[in-house]
Amino acid sequence: MNKKFLFREKSKKDLKKYCKLGRIKRDKYVVDKLEKLVKEGRHKNVLLYIPLSSEVDSMELIKRIRPKVNIYVPFMEGVSFKMVKFRLPLFRKKFKIREPKNSYARVPKIDLAIVPVLGVDGAFKRIGFGKGMYDRFFDSLNSSPKVVFVQLGECFTEEFICESHDIRADIYITPYKTMIKKRKL
């Protein structure tokens, strides 16, 4: 077993605890930080996600920023996804993920992407569920939006355990900590 697999399994266990202990407070802290980030950054086109039970509840953030921001969410297609405009109703699909109906409308360039994680390594790279959907999606983009990783509790390792194709964050937000990636000069 490799380090990434072991860290992923440990992170899953930790997240189960975070989901039980103070869940409402944890969600609120992260959503408040994200709302402030969106407003201060004057972001107009934001990629968000429809949450699973172990992820920060992004639906509250969607309610708060939707009047002033264009919100896009993943729509699964094969081994990756595309972005579609957030709209109700939502339907359950593979992996118990909810999403709106498909759309063929042209999507503008996003300037902020908020991405859920299982863990983050020392290079600020994402450890997800191991399907690689976000990695393939970001690889297909023509632009580089600011990327924010969010999580209900901190699952961070100083080690570099991710691979070169794994997506990297600019900011990592948990309820009690915000980490900003240092830029090389």
N, C-alpha and C. Protein backbone atom coordinates (compact mmCIF):
# COMPACT_ATOMS: atom_id res chain seq x y z
N MET A 1 0.84 -1.19 0.00
CA MET A 1 0.00 0.00 0.00
C MET A 1 0.88 1.25 0.00
N ASN A 2 0.48 2.23 -0.81
CA ASN A 2 1.29 3.45 -0.86
C ASN A 2 0.81 4.50 0.15
N LYS A 3 1.62 5.52 0.33
CA LYS A 3 1.33 6.55 1.32
C LYS A 3 0.02 7.28 1.03
N LYS A 4 -0.24 7.53 -0.25
CA LYS A 4 -1.45 8.24 -0.63
C LYS A 4 -2.69 7.43 -0.23
N PHE A 5 -2.67 6.14 -0.49
CA PHE A 5 -3.79 5.27 -0.13
C PHE A 5 -3.99 5.28 1.39
N LEU A 6 -2.92 5.13 2.14
CA LEU A 6 -3.02 5.10 3.60
C LEU A 6 -3.54 6.43 4.15
N PHE A 7 -3.06 7.54 3.58
CA PHE A 7 -3.52 8.85 4.03
C PHE A 7 -4.99 9.04 3.69
N ARG A 8 -5.41 8.59 2.52
CA ARG A 8 -6.81 8.69 2.10
C ARG A 8 -7.71 7.92 3.10
N GLU A 9 -7.31 6.72 3.47
CA GLU A 9 -8.10 5.91 4.40
C GLU A 9 -8.18 6.57 5.78
N LYS A 10 -7.05 7.12 6.25
CA LYS A 10 -7.04 7.83 7.54
C LYS A 10 -7.95 9.06 7.48
N SER A 11 -7.90 9.79 6.37
CA SER A 11 -8.72 10.98 6.20
C SER A 11 -10.21 10.64 6.20
N LYS A 12 -10.58 9.53 5.58
CA LYS A 12 -11.99 9.10 5.58
C LYS A 12 -12.47 8.87 7.01
N LYS A 13 -11.65 8.22 7.82
CA LYS A 13 -12.02 7.96 9.22
C LYS A 13 -12.15 9.27 9.99
N ASP A 14 -11.19 10.16 9.79
CA ASP A 14 -11.23 11.45 10.48
C ASP A 14 -12.48 12.23 10.09
N LEU A 15 -12.83 12.23 8.80
CA LEU A 15 -13.99 12.98 8.35
C LEU A 15 -15.29 12.44 8.94
N LYS A 16 -15.36 11.14 9.17
CA LYS A 16 -16.56 10.58 9.82
C LYS A 16 -16.73 11.19 11.21
N LYS A 17 -15.62 11.38 11.93
CA LYS A 17 -15.69 12.01 13.24
C LYS A 17 -16.14 13.47 13.12
N TYR A 18 -15.56 14.18 12.15
CA TYR A 18 -15.90 15.60 11.97
C TYR A 18 -17.37 15.77 11.60
N CYS A 19 -17.93 14.80 10.90
CA CYS A 19 -19.34 14.88 10.51
C CYS A 19 -20.26 14.75 11.71
N LYS A 20 -19.80 14.07 12.75
CA LYS A 20 -20.63 13.84 13.94
C LYS A 20 -20.46 14.94 14.98
N LEU A 21 -19.26 15.46 15.12
CA LEU A 21 -18.96 16.41 16.17
C LEU A 21 -19.07 17.85 15.69
N GLY A 22 -20.08 18.57 16.15
CA GLY A 22 -20.21 19.99 15.83
C GLY A 22 -20.38 20.28 14.36
N ARG A 23 -21.08 19.44 13.65
CA ARG A 23 -21.23 19.56 12.19
C ARG A 23 -21.79 20.92 11.78
N ILE A 24 -22.84 21.35 12.42
CA ILE A 24 -23.49 22.62 12.03
C ILE A 24 -22.53 23.79 12.19
N LYS A 25 -21.80 23.81 13.30
CA LYS A 25 -20.84 24.88 13.55
C LYS A 25 -19.70 24.84 12.53
N ARG A 26 -19.21 23.65 12.23
CA ARG A 26 -18.12 23.49 11.26
C ARG A 26 -18.55 24.00 9.88
N ASP A 27 -19.74 23.60 9.44
CA ASP A 27 -20.26 24.07 8.16
C ASP A 27 -20.35 25.59 8.13
N LYS A 28 -20.89 26.16 9.19
CA LYS A 28 -21.07 27.62 9.25
C LYS A 28 -19.74 28.35 9.16
N TYR A 29 -18.73 27.90 9.91
CA TYR A 29 -17.43 28.56 9.87
C TYR A 29 -16.85 28.56 8.45
N VAL A 30 -16.91 27.42 7.78
CA VAL A 30 -16.34 27.34 6.43
C VAL A 30 -17.14 28.17 5.45
N VAL A 31 -18.47 28.08 5.52
CA VAL A 31 -19.32 28.84 4.60
C VAL A 31 -19.12 30.34 4.80
N ASP A 32 -19.00 30.79 6.04
CA ASP A 32 -18.75 32.22 6.30
C ASP A 32 -17.43 32.66 5.66
N LYS A 33 -16.38 31.85 5.81
CA LYS A 33 -15.08 32.18 5.21
C LYS A 33 -15.18 32.24 3.68
N LEU A 34 -15.90 31.28 3.11
CA LEU A 34 -16.04 31.25 1.65
C LEU A 34 -16.84 32.44 1.13
N GLU A 35 -17.90 32.80 1.82
CA GLU A 35 -18.71 33.95 1.41
C GLU A 35 -17.85 35.22 1.41
N LYS A 36 -17.05 35.38 2.44
CA LYS A 36 -16.17 36.55 2.53
C LYS A 36 -15.16 36.54 1.37
N LEU A 37 -14.59 35.37 1.07
CA LEU A 37 -13.63 35.24 -0.02
C LEU A 37 -14.25 35.61 -1.37
N VAL A 38 -15.47 35.14 -1.61
CA VAL A 38 -16.15 35.43 -2.88
C VAL A 38 -16.43 36.92 -3.00
N LYS A 39 -16.92 37.53 -1.91
CA LYS A 39 -17.25 38.96 -1.95
C LYS A 39 -16.00 39.83 -2.10
N GLU A 40 -14.97 39.54 -1.29
CA GLU A 40 -13.76 40.37 -1.34
C GLU A 40 -13.02 40.21 -2.65
N GLY A 41 -13.08 39.03 -3.24
CA GLY A 41 -12.41 38.79 -4.51
C GLY A 41 -13.22 39.23 -5.71
N ARG A 42 -14.45 39.66 -5.46
CA ARG A 42 -15.37 40.10 -6.53
C ARG A 42 -15.48 39.04 -7.63
N HIS A 43 -15.55 37.79 -7.22
CA HIS A 43 -15.67 36.69 -8.18
C HIS A 43 -17.07 36.68 -8.77
N LYS A 44 -17.16 36.46 -10.06
CA LYS A 44 -18.46 36.49 -10.75
C LYS A 44 -18.89 35.11 -11.24
N ASN A 45 -17.96 34.26 -11.62
CA ASN A 45 -18.28 32.92 -12.12
C ASN A 45 -17.57 31.90 -11.25
N VAL A 46 -18.36 31.18 -10.45
CA VAL A 46 -17.81 30.29 -9.43
C VAL A 46 -18.25 28.86 -9.68
N LEU A 47 -17.27 27.96 -9.64
CA LEU A 47 -17.56 26.53 -9.69
C LEU A 47 -17.68 26.06 -8.25
N LEU A 48 -18.83 25.49 -7.92
CA LEU A 48 -19.06 24.92 -6.60
C LEU A 48 -19.41 23.45 -6.78
N TYR A 49 -19.87 22.81 -5.76
CA TYR A 49 -20.23 21.40 -5.82
C TYR A 49 -21.50 21.20 -5.02
N ILE A 50 -22.23 20.15 -5.35
CA ILE A 50 -23.39 19.76 -4.56
C ILE A 50 -22.84 18.75 -3.54
N PRO A 51 -23.00 19.02 -2.24
CA PRO A 51 -22.28 18.25 -1.22
C PRO A 51 -22.78 16.81 -1.01
N LEU A 52 -21.81 15.96 -0.69
CA LEU A 52 -22.08 14.64 -0.15
C LEU A 52 -22.15 14.80 1.36
N SER A 53 -22.55 13.76 2.06
CA SER A 53 -22.73 13.87 3.52
C SER A 53 -21.43 14.16 4.27
N SER A 54 -20.29 13.83 3.70
CA SER A 54 -19.01 14.06 4.38
C SER A 54 -18.34 15.36 3.97
N GLU A 55 -19.03 16.18 3.19
CA GLU A 55 -18.44 17.42 2.68
C GLU A 55 -19.12 18.64 3.29
N VAL A 56 -18.41 19.77 3.26
CA VAL A 56 -18.97 21.04 3.73
C VAL A 56 -20.25 21.30 2.95
N ASP A 57 -21.29 21.72 3.67
CA ASP A 57 -22.59 21.95 3.04
C ASP A 57 -22.58 23.24 2.22
N SER A 58 -22.26 23.10 0.96
CA SER A 58 -22.15 24.25 0.06
C SER A 58 -23.50 24.84 -0.32
N MET A 59 -24.59 24.16 -0.02
CA MET A 59 -25.92 24.67 -0.39
C MET A 59 -26.21 26.00 0.30
N GLU A 60 -25.76 26.17 1.53
CA GLU A 60 -25.96 27.44 2.23
C GLU A 60 -25.18 28.56 1.53
N LEU A 61 -23.97 28.27 1.09
CA LEU A 61 -23.20 29.26 0.36
C LEU A 61 -23.89 29.62 -0.95
N ILE A 62 -24.40 28.62 -1.63
CA ILE A 62 -25.12 28.86 -2.88
C ILE A 62 -26.28 29.82 -2.65
N LYS A 63 -27.06 29.60 -1.59
CA LYS A 63 -28.19 30.49 -1.27
C LYS A 63 -27.72 31.92 -1.04
N ARG A 64 -26.60 32.06 -0.34
CA ARG A 64 -26.11 33.40 0.02
C ARG A 64 -25.56 34.17 -1.17
N ILE A 65 -24.82 33.50 -2.07
CA ILE A 65 -24.12 34.26 -3.12
C ILE A 65 -24.84 34.22 -4.47
N ARG A 66 -25.82 33.37 -4.61
CA ARG A 66 -26.48 33.17 -5.91
C ARG A 66 -27.06 34.46 -6.52
N PRO A 67 -27.61 35.37 -5.73
CA PRO A 67 -28.15 36.58 -6.36
C PRO A 67 -27.10 37.44 -7.09
N LYS A 68 -25.83 37.35 -6.68
CA LYS A 68 -24.81 38.23 -7.27
C LYS A 68 -23.74 37.49 -8.06
N VAL A 69 -23.75 36.16 -8.03
CA VAL A 69 -22.68 35.37 -8.63
C VAL A 69 -23.28 34.29 -9.52
N ASN A 70 -22.64 34.03 -10.65
CA ASN A 70 -23.05 32.90 -11.50
C ASN A 70 -22.42 31.64 -10.92
N ILE A 71 -23.26 30.68 -10.57
CA ILE A 71 -22.77 29.46 -9.93
C ILE A 71 -22.90 28.30 -10.90
N TYR A 72 -21.79 27.56 -11.02
CA TYR A 72 -21.75 26.38 -11.87
C TYR A 72 -21.38 25.19 -10.99
N VAL A 73 -21.91 24.03 -11.36
CA VAL A 73 -21.65 22.81 -10.61
C VAL A 73 -21.25 21.71 -11.58
N PRO A 74 -20.58 20.68 -11.07
CA PRO A 74 -20.18 19.56 -11.93
C PRO A 74 -21.40 18.77 -12.43
N PHE A 75 -21.30 18.34 -13.67
CA PHE A 75 -22.27 17.42 -14.27
C PHE A 75 -21.45 16.27 -14.83
N MET A 76 -21.59 15.09 -14.23
CA MET A 76 -20.76 13.95 -14.61
C MET A 76 -21.02 13.50 -16.04
N GLU A 77 -19.91 13.29 -16.74
CA GLU A 77 -19.92 12.75 -18.10
C GLU A 77 -18.77 11.76 -18.22
N GLY A 78 -19.10 10.48 -18.23
CA GLY A 78 -18.06 9.46 -18.34
C GLY A 78 -17.12 9.49 -17.16
N VAL A 79 -15.80 9.63 -17.43
CA VAL A 79 -14.80 9.60 -16.37
C VAL A 79 -14.42 11.01 -15.88
N SER A 80 -15.15 12.03 -16.34
CA SER A 80 -14.88 13.39 -15.92
C SER A 80 -16.22 14.09 -15.74
N PHE A 81 -16.20 15.40 -15.75
CA PHE A 81 -17.45 16.15 -15.71
C PHE A 81 -17.30 17.44 -16.48
N LYS A 82 -18.42 18.07 -16.73
CA LYS A 82 -18.43 19.40 -17.31
C LYS A 82 -19.18 20.30 -16.34
N MET A 83 -19.11 21.59 -16.55
CA MET A 83 -19.82 22.53 -15.70
C MET A 83 -21.17 22.84 -16.31
N VAL A 84 -22.18 22.92 -15.45
CA VAL A 84 -23.50 23.40 -15.86
C VAL A 84 -23.94 24.44 -14.84
N LYS A 85 -24.79 25.32 -15.28
CA LYS A 85 -25.32 26.36 -14.39
C LYS A 85 -26.14 25.68 -13.29
N PHE A 86 -25.97 26.13 -12.05
CA PHE A 86 -26.75 25.59 -10.94
C PHE A 86 -28.20 26.00 -11.11
N ARG A 87 -29.08 25.02 -11.04
CA ARG A 87 -30.51 25.29 -11.04
C ARG A 87 -31.22 24.09 -10.43
N LEU A 88 -32.39 24.36 -9.90
CA LEU A 88 -33.20 23.31 -9.28
C LEU A 88 -34.20 22.79 -10.31
N PRO A 89 -34.69 21.59 -10.17
CA PRO A 89 -34.43 20.60 -9.12
C PRO A 89 -33.11 19.86 -9.38
N LEU A 90 -32.66 19.17 -8.34
CA LEU A 90 -31.46 18.34 -8.44
C LEU A 90 -31.89 16.88 -8.50
N PHE A 91 -31.12 16.09 -9.23
CA PHE A 91 -31.42 14.67 -9.41
C PHE A 91 -30.23 13.84 -8.93
N ARG A 92 -30.51 12.67 -8.34
CA ARG A 92 -29.44 11.77 -7.88
C ARG A 92 -28.93 10.95 -9.05
N LYS A 93 -27.59 10.86 -9.11
CA LYS A 93 -26.95 10.06 -10.14
C LYS A 93 -25.95 9.11 -9.50
N LYS A 94 -24.99 8.67 -10.30
CA LYS A 94 -23.97 7.75 -9.85
C LYS A 94 -23.25 8.29 -8.61
N PHE A 95 -22.81 7.41 -7.73
CA PHE A 95 -22.10 7.75 -6.50
C PHE A 95 -22.97 8.57 -5.54
N LYS A 96 -24.30 8.54 -5.71
CA LYS A 96 -25.27 9.28 -4.87
C LYS A 96 -25.08 10.79 -4.99
N ILE A 97 -24.50 11.23 -6.09
CA ILE A 97 -24.26 12.66 -6.29
C ILE A 97 -25.51 13.29 -6.90
N ARG A 98 -25.89 14.44 -6.35
CA ARG A 98 -27.02 15.18 -6.90
C ARG A 98 -26.49 16.22 -7.89
N GLU A 99 -27.25 16.43 -8.94
CA GLU A 99 -26.86 17.45 -9.92
C GLU A 99 -28.08 17.91 -10.69
N PRO A 100 -28.00 19.10 -11.29
CA PRO A 100 -29.13 19.57 -12.11
C PRO A 100 -29.16 18.83 -13.44
N LYS A 101 -30.17 19.13 -14.23
CA LYS A 101 -30.23 18.54 -15.57
C LYS A 101 -29.08 19.05 -16.41
N ASN A 102 -28.75 18.28 -17.43
CA ASN A 102 -27.69 18.65 -18.35
C ASN A 102 -28.05 19.95 -19.06
N SER A 103 -27.05 20.65 -19.47
CA SER A 103 -27.24 21.89 -20.20
C SER A 103 -26.18 21.96 -21.30
N TYR A 104 -26.57 22.48 -22.41
CA TYR A 104 -25.63 22.63 -23.52
C TYR A 104 -25.25 24.09 -23.73
N ALA A 105 -25.64 24.93 -22.77
CA ALA A 105 -25.31 26.35 -22.86
C ALA A 105 -23.80 26.54 -22.70
N ARG A 106 -23.28 27.55 -23.35
CA ARG A 106 -21.86 27.86 -23.26
C ARG A 106 -21.56 28.41 -21.87
N VAL A 107 -20.53 27.90 -21.25
CA VAL A 107 -20.16 28.30 -19.90
C VAL A 107 -18.98 29.27 -20.00
N PRO A 108 -19.09 30.42 -19.32
CA PRO A 108 -17.96 31.36 -19.36
C PRO A 108 -16.78 30.86 -18.53
N LYS A 109 -15.68 31.55 -18.65
CA LYS A 109 -14.48 31.21 -17.88
C LYS A 109 -14.78 31.42 -16.40
N ILE A 110 -14.47 30.41 -15.59
CA ILE A 110 -14.68 30.57 -14.15
C ILE A 110 -13.45 31.24 -13.54
N ASP A 111 -13.71 32.05 -12.51
CA ASP A 111 -12.58 32.72 -11.86
C ASP A 111 -12.30 32.17 -10.47
N LEU A 112 -13.19 31.32 -9.95
CA LEU A 112 -12.98 30.70 -8.64
C LEU A 112 -13.59 29.30 -8.66
N ALA A 113 -12.83 28.33 -8.18
CA ALA A 113 -13.32 26.96 -8.06
C ALA A 113 -13.20 26.53 -6.60
N ILE A 114 -14.31 26.12 -6.03
CA ILE A 114 -14.34 25.64 -4.65
C ILE A 114 -14.54 24.13 -4.72
N VAL A 115 -13.56 23.40 -4.20
CA VAL A 115 -13.49 21.95 -4.41
C VAL A 115 -13.40 21.22 -3.07
N PRO A 116 -14.26 20.21 -2.85
CA PRO A 116 -14.15 19.43 -1.62
C PRO A 116 -12.98 18.46 -1.69
N VAL A 117 -12.39 18.15 -0.53
CA VAL A 117 -11.25 17.24 -0.50
C VAL A 117 -11.40 16.22 0.63
N LEU A 118 -10.71 15.10 0.48
CA LEU A 118 -10.54 14.16 1.59
C LEU A 118 -9.29 14.54 2.38
N GLY A 119 -8.29 15.06 1.67
CA GLY A 119 -7.05 15.46 2.31
C GLY A 119 -6.23 16.32 1.38
N VAL A 120 -5.17 16.90 1.94
CA VAL A 120 -4.28 17.77 1.18
C VAL A 120 -2.85 17.42 1.56
N ASP A 121 -1.97 17.35 0.55
CA ASP A 121 -0.57 17.04 0.86
C ASP A 121 0.27 18.31 0.96
N GLY A 122 1.55 18.16 1.22
CA GLY A 122 2.45 19.28 1.44
C GLY A 122 2.63 20.19 0.24
N ALA A 123 2.31 19.72 -0.94
CA ALA A 123 2.38 20.55 -2.14
C ALA A 123 1.05 21.23 -2.43
N PHE A 124 0.11 21.16 -1.49
CA PHE A 124 -1.24 21.71 -1.63
C PHE A 124 -2.02 20.99 -2.73
N LYS A 125 -1.73 19.72 -2.91
CA LYS A 125 -2.44 18.93 -3.92
C LYS A 125 -3.56 18.13 -3.26
N ARG A 126 -4.59 17.87 -4.05
CA ARG A 126 -5.84 17.25 -3.57
C ARG A 126 -5.75 15.74 -3.49
N ILE A 127 -6.22 15.22 -2.36
CA ILE A 127 -6.48 13.80 -2.23
C ILE A 127 -7.99 13.68 -2.21
N GLY A 128 -8.53 13.04 -3.23
CA GLY A 128 -9.98 12.89 -3.34
C GLY A 128 -10.36 11.44 -3.15
N PHE A 129 -11.44 11.05 -3.80
CA PHE A 129 -11.94 9.69 -3.65
C PHE A 129 -11.25 8.70 -4.58
N GLY A 130 -10.32 9.17 -5.40
CA GLY A 130 -9.53 8.26 -6.22
C GLY A 130 -10.05 8.02 -7.61
N LYS A 131 -11.07 8.73 -8.04
CA LYS A 131 -11.62 8.55 -9.38
C LYS A 131 -10.95 9.47 -10.40
N GLY A 132 -10.33 10.55 -9.95
CA GLY A 132 -9.62 11.46 -10.85
C GLY A 132 -10.49 12.40 -11.65
N MET A 133 -11.77 12.53 -11.29
CA MET A 133 -12.67 13.37 -12.08
C MET A 133 -12.27 14.85 -12.06
N TYR A 134 -11.95 15.36 -10.88
CA TYR A 134 -11.54 16.76 -10.80
C TYR A 134 -10.21 16.98 -11.54
N ASP A 135 -9.30 16.03 -11.44
CA ASP A 135 -8.01 16.16 -12.13
C ASP A 135 -8.22 16.26 -13.64
N ARG A 136 -9.04 15.39 -14.18
CA ARG A 136 -9.30 15.41 -15.63
C ARG A 136 -10.03 16.69 -16.04
N PHE A 137 -10.98 17.12 -15.20
CA PHE A 137 -11.71 18.34 -15.51
C PHE A 137 -10.78 19.55 -15.56
N PHE A 138 -9.96 19.73 -14.52
CA PHE A 138 -9.07 20.89 -14.48
C PHE A 138 -8.03 20.83 -15.59
N ASP A 139 -7.61 19.65 -15.97
CA ASP A 139 -6.67 19.49 -17.07
C ASP A 139 -7.28 19.96 -18.39
N SER A 140 -8.60 19.88 -18.51
CA SER A 140 -9.27 20.26 -19.76
C SER A 140 -9.56 21.76 -19.86
N LEU A 141 -9.38 22.50 -18.78
CA LEU A 141 -9.68 23.94 -18.80
C LEU A 141 -8.63 24.71 -19.59
N ASN A 142 -9.09 25.77 -20.24
CA ASN A 142 -8.19 26.66 -20.99
C ASN A 142 -7.63 27.77 -20.10
N SER A 143 -8.18 27.89 -18.89
CA SER A 143 -7.73 28.95 -17.97
C SER A 143 -7.40 28.33 -16.62
N SER A 144 -6.86 29.14 -15.74
CA SER A 144 -6.51 28.67 -14.40
C SER A 144 -7.21 29.51 -13.35
N PRO A 145 -8.38 29.05 -12.89
CA PRO A 145 -9.07 29.82 -11.85
C PRO A 145 -8.36 29.68 -10.51
N LYS A 146 -8.67 30.56 -9.59
CA LYS A 146 -8.19 30.40 -8.22
C LYS A 146 -8.90 29.16 -7.67
N VAL A 147 -8.15 28.26 -7.03
CA VAL A 147 -8.70 27.01 -6.52
C VAL A 147 -8.67 27.02 -5.00
N VAL A 148 -9.82 26.74 -4.40
CA VAL A 148 -9.96 26.68 -2.95
C VAL A 148 -10.43 25.29 -2.57
N PHE A 149 -9.66 24.62 -1.72
CA PHE A 149 -10.06 23.32 -1.18
C PHE A 149 -10.78 23.57 0.14
N VAL A 150 -11.86 22.82 0.37
CA VAL A 150 -12.61 22.95 1.62
C VAL A 150 -12.82 21.58 2.25
N GLN A 151 -12.94 21.61 3.59
CA GLN A 151 -13.08 20.37 4.33
C GLN A 151 -13.65 20.66 5.72
N LEU A 152 -14.38 19.69 6.28
CA LEU A 152 -14.99 19.84 7.60
C LEU A 152 -13.98 19.83 8.74
N GLY A 153 -12.81 19.30 8.51
CA GLY A 153 -11.75 19.25 9.51
C GLY A 153 -10.43 19.13 8.78
N GLU A 154 -9.36 19.41 9.46
CA GLU A 154 -8.07 19.40 8.78
C GLU A 154 -7.52 17.98 8.61
N CYS A 155 -7.30 17.58 7.37
CA CYS A 155 -6.64 16.33 7.01
C CYS A 155 -5.49 16.72 6.08
N PHE A 156 -4.39 17.13 6.67
CA PHE A 156 -3.24 17.67 5.94
C PHE A 156 -1.99 16.90 6.32
N THR A 157 -1.15 16.62 5.33
CA THR A 157 0.15 16.02 5.60
C THR A 157 1.22 16.88 4.96
N GLU A 158 2.32 17.04 5.65
CA GLU A 158 3.46 17.81 5.12
C GLU A 158 4.15 17.07 3.98
N GLU A 159 3.97 15.76 3.92
CA GLU A 159 4.62 14.96 2.88
C GLU A 159 4.05 15.26 1.50
N PHE A 160 4.86 15.04 0.48
CA PHE A 160 4.42 15.18 -0.90
C PHE A 160 4.04 13.78 -1.39
N ILE A 161 2.75 13.47 -1.35
CA ILE A 161 2.31 12.11 -1.69
C ILE A 161 1.46 12.05 -2.95
N CYS A 162 1.13 13.20 -3.49
CA CYS A 162 0.29 13.23 -4.70
C CYS A 162 1.15 13.11 -5.95
N GLU A 163 0.45 12.96 -7.06
CA GLU A 163 1.13 12.81 -8.35
C GLU A 163 1.09 14.12 -9.12
N SER A 164 1.86 14.22 -10.18
CA SER A 164 1.98 15.47 -10.92
C SER A 164 0.65 15.94 -11.51
N HIS A 165 -0.25 15.04 -11.84
CA HIS A 165 -1.52 15.44 -12.46
C HIS A 165 -2.59 15.86 -11.45
N ASP A 166 -2.35 15.65 -10.15
CA ASP A 166 -3.34 16.02 -9.13
C ASP A 166 -3.45 17.54 -9.06
N ILE A 167 -4.68 18.03 -8.88
CA ILE A 167 -4.88 19.48 -8.85
C ILE A 167 -4.33 20.08 -7.56
N ARG A 168 -3.92 21.34 -7.69
CA ARG A 168 -3.28 22.06 -6.58
C ARG A 168 -4.18 23.24 -6.21
N ALA A 169 -4.22 23.54 -4.93
CA ALA A 169 -5.02 24.66 -4.44
C ALA A 169 -4.17 25.90 -4.21
N ASP A 170 -4.85 27.02 -4.22
CA ASP A 170 -4.25 28.28 -3.81
C ASP A 170 -4.53 28.50 -2.32
N ILE A 171 -5.71 28.02 -1.87
CA ILE A 171 -6.15 28.20 -0.49
C ILE A 171 -6.79 26.89 -0.01
N TYR A 172 -6.56 26.57 1.25
CA TYR A 172 -7.16 25.39 1.89
C TYR A 172 -7.90 25.88 3.13
N ILE A 173 -9.22 25.68 3.16
CA ILE A 173 -10.05 26.19 4.25
C ILE A 173 -10.69 25.04 5.02
N THR A 174 -10.49 25.07 6.33
CA THR A 174 -11.17 24.17 7.25
C THR A 174 -11.88 25.08 8.27
N PRO A 175 -12.71 24.52 9.15
CA PRO A 175 -13.41 25.40 10.09
C PRO A 175 -12.50 26.26 10.96
N TYR A 176 -11.36 25.73 11.36
CA TYR A 176 -10.52 26.44 12.31
C TYR A 176 -9.18 26.89 11.75
N LYS A 177 -8.98 26.69 10.47
CA LYS A 177 -7.69 27.06 9.88
C LYS A 177 -7.86 27.39 8.41
N THR A 178 -7.15 28.40 7.96
CA THR A 178 -7.08 28.73 6.54
C THR A 178 -5.60 28.78 6.17
N MET A 179 -5.22 28.01 5.16
CA MET A 179 -3.84 27.97 4.71
C MET A 179 -3.78 28.51 3.30
N ILE A 180 -2.81 29.37 3.05
CA ILE A 180 -2.61 29.94 1.71
C ILE A 180 -1.28 29.43 1.19
N LYS A 181 -1.31 28.93 -0.03
CA LYS A 181 -0.11 28.38 -0.64
C LYS A 181 0.89 29.50 -0.89
N LYS A 182 2.12 29.26 -0.48
CA LYS A 182 3.17 30.24 -0.73
C LYS A 182 3.57 30.17 -2.19
N ARG A 183 3.72 31.31 -2.78
CA ARG A 183 4.10 31.38 -4.19
C ARG A 183 5.61 31.45 -4.31
N LYS A 184 6.15 30.79 -5.33
CA LYS A 184 7.59 30.89 -5.60
C LYS A 184 7.85 32.20 -6.31
N LEU A 185 8.93 32.84 -5.96
CA LEU A 185 9.28 34.12 -6.61
C LEU A 185 10.18 33.88 -7.79
